[in-house]
C-alpha atoms as a PDB file:
ATOM      1  CA  UNK A   1      -0.300  -0.529   0.064  1.00  0.00           C
ATOM      2  CA  UNK A   2       1.086   3.571  -0.753  1.00  0.00           C
ATOM      3  CA  UNK A   3       1.845   6.293   1.881  1.00  0.00           C
ATOM      4  CA  UNK A   4      -1.216   7.643   3.924  1.00  0.00           C
ATOM      5  CA  UNK A   5      -2.734  10.831   3.262  1.00  0.00           C
ATOM      6  CA  UNK A   6      -3.061  12.089   6.794  1.00  0.00           C
ATOM      7  CA  UNK A   7      -2.929  16.009   7.148  1.00  0.00           C
ATOM      8  CA  UNK A   8      -3.812  18.794   9.465  1.00  0.00           C
ATOM      9  CA  UNK A   9      -4.101  22.539   7.503  1.00  0.00           C
ATOM     10  CA  UNK A  10      -4.918  26.067   7.763  1.00  0.00           C
ATOM     11  CA  UNK A  11      -5.731  25.500   3.536  1.00  0.00           C
ATOM     12  CA  UNK A  12      -9.225  24.605   1.979  1.00  0.00           C
ATOM     13  CA  UNK A  13      -9.228  20.508   1.839  1.00  0.00           C
ATOM     14  CA  UNK A  14      -8.392  19.159  -2.098  1.00  0.00           C
ATOM     15  CA  UNK A  15     -11.275  16.681  -2.037  1.00  0.00           C
ATOM     16  CA  UNK A  16     -10.129  15.379  -5.231  1.00  0.00           C
ATOM     17  CA  UNK A  17      -6.746  14.583  -3.794  1.00  0.00           C
ATOM     18  CA  UNK A  18      -8.129  12.517  -0.928  1.00  0.00           C
ATOM     19  CA  UNK A  19     -10.374  10.433  -2.707  1.00  0.00           C
ATOM     20  CA  UNK A  20      -7.310  10.373  -5.554  1.00  0.00           C
ATOM     21  CA  UNK A  21      -5.233   9.133  -2.145  1.00  0.00           C
ATOM     22  CA  UNK A  22      -7.385   5.973  -1.876  1.00  0.00           C
ATOM     23  CA  UNK A  23      -8.566   5.394  -4.991  1.00  0.00           C
ATOM     24  CA  UNK A  24      -7.421   2.296  -7.127  1.00  0.00           C
ATOM     25  CA  UNK A  25      -8.463  -0.601  -9.594  1.00  0.00           C
ATOM     26  CA  UNK A  26      -9.410  -3.009  -7.079  1.00  0.00           C
ATOM     27  CA  UNK A  27     -11.641  -0.396  -5.343  1.00  0.00           C
ATOM     28  CA  UNK A  28     -15.455  -1.012  -5.927  1.00  0.00           C
ATOM     29  CA  UNK A  29     -16.566   1.612  -3.413  1.00  0.00           C
ATOM     30  CA  UNK A  30     -14.921   4.483  -2.272  1.00  0.00           C
ATOM     31  CA  UNK A  31     -17.048   6.273   0.341  1.00  0.00           C
ATOM     32  CA  UNK A  32     -15.722  10.196   1.051  1.00  0.00           C
ATOM     33  CA  UNK A  33     -17.294  11.884   4.428  1.00  0.00           C
ATOM     34  CA  UNK A  34     -17.471  15.373   4.483  1.00  0.00           C
ATOM     35  CA  UNK A  35     -17.758  17.466   7.684  1.00  0.00           C
ATOM     36  CA  UNK A  36     -19.158  20.470   6.733  1.00  0.00           C
ATOM     37  CA  UNK A  37     -19.808  23.383   8.777  1.00  0.00           C
ATOM     38  CA  UNK A  38     -23.478  24.081   9.410  1.00  0.00           C
ATOM     39  CA  UNK A  39     -25.385  27.093  11.162  1.00  0.00           C
ATOM     40  CA  UNK A  40     -26.789  25.820  13.825  1.00  0.00           C
ATOM     41  CA  UNK A  41     -25.797  23.803  17.138  1.00  0.00           C
ATOM     42  CA  UNK A  42     -28.184  22.818  20.233  1.00  0.00           C
ATOM     43  CA  UNK A  43     -30.475  25.111  19.250  1.00  0.00           C
ATOM     44  CA  UNK A  44     -28.573  28.071  19.099  1.00  0.00           C
ATOM     45  CA  UNK A  45     -27.889  30.189  15.566  1.00  0.00           C
ATOM     46  CA  UNK A  46     -23.883  29.744  14.405  1.00  0.00           C
ATOM     47  CA  UNK A  47     -22.159  32.211  12.372  1.00  0.00           C
ATOM     48  CA  UNK A  48     -18.409  30.612  12.246  1.00  0.00           C
ATOM     49  CA  UNK A  49     -16.377  28.206  13.849  1.00  0.00           C
ATOM     50  CA  UNK A  50     -12.736  28.374  14.416  1.00  0.00           C
ATOM     51  CA  UNK A  51     -10.365  25.249  14.412  1.00  0.00           C
ATOM     52  CA  UNK A  52      -7.457  25.059  16.858  1.00  0.00           C
ATOM     53  CA  UNK A  53      -4.737  22.230  16.725  1.00  0.00           C
ATOM     54  CA  UNK A  54      -2.210  20.809  18.906  1.00  0.00           C
ATOM     55  CA  UNK A  55       0.858  20.983  17.219  1.00  0.00           C
ATOM     56  CA  UNK A  56       1.118  17.760  16.992  1.00  0.00           C
ATOM     57  CA  UNK A  57      -2.297  16.824  16.098  1.00  0.00           C
ATOM     58  CA  UNK A  58      -1.134  16.149  12.782  1.00  0.00           C
ATOM     59  CA  UNK A  59       0.960  12.835  14.145  1.00  0.00           C
ATOM     60  CA  UNK A  60      -1.667  11.545  16.276  1.00  0.00           C
ATOM     61  CA  UNK A  61      -3.795  11.622  12.552  1.00  0.00           C
ATOM     62  CA  UNK A  62      -1.406   9.768  10.824  1.00  0.00           C
ATOM     63  CA  UNK A  63      -1.501   7.553  14.052  1.00  0.00           C
ATOM     64  CA  UNK A  64      -5.578   6.823  13.513  1.00  0.00           C
ATOM     65  CA  UNK A  65      -5.218   6.998   9.658  1.00  0.00           C
ATOM     66  CA  UNK A  66      -2.302   4.101   9.690  1.00  0.00           C
ATOM     67  CA  UNK A  67      -3.828   2.331  12.677  1.00  0.00           C
ATOM     68  CA  UNK A  68      -7.010   1.601  10.980  1.00  0.00           C
ATOM     69  CA  UNK A  69      -5.912   0.959   7.615  1.00  0.00           C
ATOM     70  CA  UNK A  70      -3.470  -2.062   9.339  1.00  0.00           C
ATOM     71  CA  UNK A  71      -6.797  -3.080  10.914  1.00  0.00           C
ATOM     72  CA  UNK A  72      -8.959  -3.297   8.318  1.00  0.00           C
ATOM     73  CA  UNK A  73      -6.453  -3.610   5.332  1.00  0.00           C
ATOM     74  CA  UNK A  74      -8.595  -0.693   3.234  1.00  0.00           C
ATOM     75  CA  UNK A  75      -7.453   2.580   1.784  1.00  0.00           C
ATOM     76  CA  UNK A  76      -7.951   5.543   4.311  1.00  0.00           C
ATOM     77  CA  UNK A  77      -6.628   8.933   3.755  1.00  0.00           C
ATOM     78  CA  UNK A  78      -8.214  11.983   6.121  1.00  0.00           C
ATOM     79  CA  UNK A  79      -7.328  15.924   5.958  1.00  0.00           C
ATOM     80  CA  UNK A  80      -8.520  18.259   8.657  1.00  0.00           C
ATOM     81  CA  UNK A  81      -9.127  21.828   8.445  1.00  0.00           C
ATOM     82  CA  UNK A  82      -7.852  24.390  10.997  1.00  0.00           C
ATOM     83  CA  UNK A  83      -8.087  27.934  11.519  1.00  0.00           C
ATOM     84  CA  UNK A  84     -11.519  30.540  10.843  1.00  0.00           C
ATOM     85  CA  UNK A  85     -14.151  28.098   8.972  1.00  0.00           C
ATOM     86  CA  UNK A  86     -17.673  29.596   7.756  1.00  0.00           C
ATOM     87  CA  UNK A  87     -20.805  27.856   7.187  1.00  0.00           C
ATOM     88  CA  UNK A  88     -20.498  25.443   4.508  1.00  0.00           C
ATOM     89  CA  UNK A  89     -16.841  24.966   4.746  1.00  0.00           C
ATOM     90  CA  UNK A  90     -15.316  21.573   5.105  1.00  0.00           C
ATOM     91  CA  UNK A  91     -13.764  20.823   8.346  1.00  0.00           C
ATOM     92  CA  UNK A  92     -13.224  17.017   7.774  1.00  0.00           C
ATOM     93  CA  UNK A  93     -12.517  15.045   4.184  1.00  0.00           C
ATOM     94  CA  UNK A  94     -12.028  11.622   4.567  1.00  0.00           C
ATOM     95  CA  UNK A  95     -11.482   8.401   2.532  1.00  0.00           C
ATOM     96  CA  UNK A  96     -12.142   4.866   2.356  1.00  0.00           C
ATOM     97  CA  UNK A  97     -11.665   2.627  -0.655  1.00  0.00           C
ATOM     98  CA  UNK A  98     -12.527  -1.278  -0.580  1.00  0.00           C
ATOM     99  CA  UNK A  99     -13.427  -3.794  -2.530  1.00  0.00           C
ATOM    100  CA  UNK A 100     -16.954  -3.906  -1.387  1.00  0.00           C
ATOM    101  CA  UNK A 101     -19.324  -0.748   0.041  1.00  0.00           C
ATOM    102  CA  UNK A 102     -19.509  -2.256   3.344  1.00  0.00           C
ATOM    103  CA  UNK A 103     -16.536  -2.742   3.929  1.00  0.00           C
ATOM    104  CA  UNK A 104     -15.481   1.218   3.253  1.00  0.00           C
ATOM    105  CA  UNK A 105     -18.780   2.400   4.755  1.00  0.00           C
ATOM    106  CA  UNK A 106     -17.660   0.604   8.273  1.00  0.00           C
ATOM    107  CA  UNK A 107     -14.155   2.149   7.988  1.00  0.00           C
ATOM    108  CA  UNK A 108     -14.948   5.687   7.051  1.00  0.00           C
ATOM    109  CA  UNK A 109     -17.406   5.908  10.276  1.00  0.00           C
ATOM    110  CA  UNK A 110     -15.072   3.969  12.564  1.00  0.00           C
ATOM    111  CA  UNK A 111     -12.271   6.521  11.033  1.00  0.00           C
ATOM    112  CA  UNK A 112     -14.235   9.408  11.704  1.00  0.00           C
ATOM    113  CA  UNK A 113     -15.304   8.172  15.016  1.00  0.00           C
ATOM    114  CA  UNK A 114     -11.605   7.878  16.008  1.00  0.00           C
ATOM    115  CA  UNK A 115     -10.253  11.363  14.889  1.00  0.00           C
ATOM    116  CA  UNK A 116     -13.187  12.613  16.748  1.00  0.00           C
ATOM    117  CA  UNK A 117     -12.159  11.505  20.039  1.00  0.00           C
ATOM    118  CA  UNK A 118      -8.050  10.685  19.510  1.00  0.00           C
ATOM    119  CA  UNK A 119      -6.722  13.762  17.616  1.00  0.00           C
ATOM    120  CA  UNK A 120      -6.393  17.130  19.494  1.00  0.00           C
ATOM    121  CA  UNK A 121      -8.105  19.136  17.561  1.00  0.00           C
ATOM    122  CA  UNK A 122     -10.884  21.816  18.792  1.00  0.00           C
ATOM    123  CA  UNK A 123     -13.472  24.061  18.045  1.00  0.00           C
ATOM    124  CA  UNK A 124     -14.956  27.292  19.038  1.00  0.00           C
ATOM    125  CA  UNK A 125     -18.455  27.928  17.532  1.00  0.00           C
ATOM    126  CA  UNK A 126     -19.458  32.253  17.041  1.00  0.00           C
ATOM    127  CA  UNK A 127     -23.401  32.700  17.541  1.00  0.00           C
ATOM    128  CA  UNK A 128     -25.123  35.145  15.927  1.00  0.00           C
ATOM    129  CA  UNK A 129     -25.790  37.048  19.314  1.00  0.00           C
ATOM    130  CA  UNK A 130     -22.166  37.529  19.358  1.00  0.00           C
ATOM    131  CA  UNK A 131     -20.830  35.202  22.367  1.00  0.00           C
ATOM    132  CA  UNK A 132     -18.871  32.209  21.124  1.00  0.00           C
ATOM    133  CA  UNK A 133     -17.822  28.786  22.716  1.00  0.00           C
ATOM    134  CA  UNK A 134     -15.211  26.230  22.498  1.00  0.00           C
ATOM    135  CA  UNK A 135     -16.885  22.826  22.228  1.00  0.00           C
ATOM    136  CA  UNK A 136     -16.207  19.281  23.377  1.00  0.00           C
ATOM    137  CA  UNK A 137     -13.701  20.171  25.550  1.00  0.00           C
END
């Protein structure tokens, strides 16, 4: 298997590059996950988010992606964006490729859950009333 794509970046995520990192002639399924900034949370109107990360967040992300790849044998990739993001922006794009769809769906779900819980990236939500709060700390 080729080298794993696992990045933390301030740049807009290149979704085609994430897909290309897992695609291949043996793939019967490529499942993409896009974590998109929405305009609400917990009954509050959200205007924007700021993502901050630990200096080693990319190392944590690569570890999670590689562990899941080794555990499942499925090609995986993930890019998480940090910095100021607006409504509709992609904060996380992840992909899984396998011979069959069920394996790819299961792999992407587990990968995203592990990223959310194990990679030290934090978000601050900004609300329409001009208040803000850190979420998930």
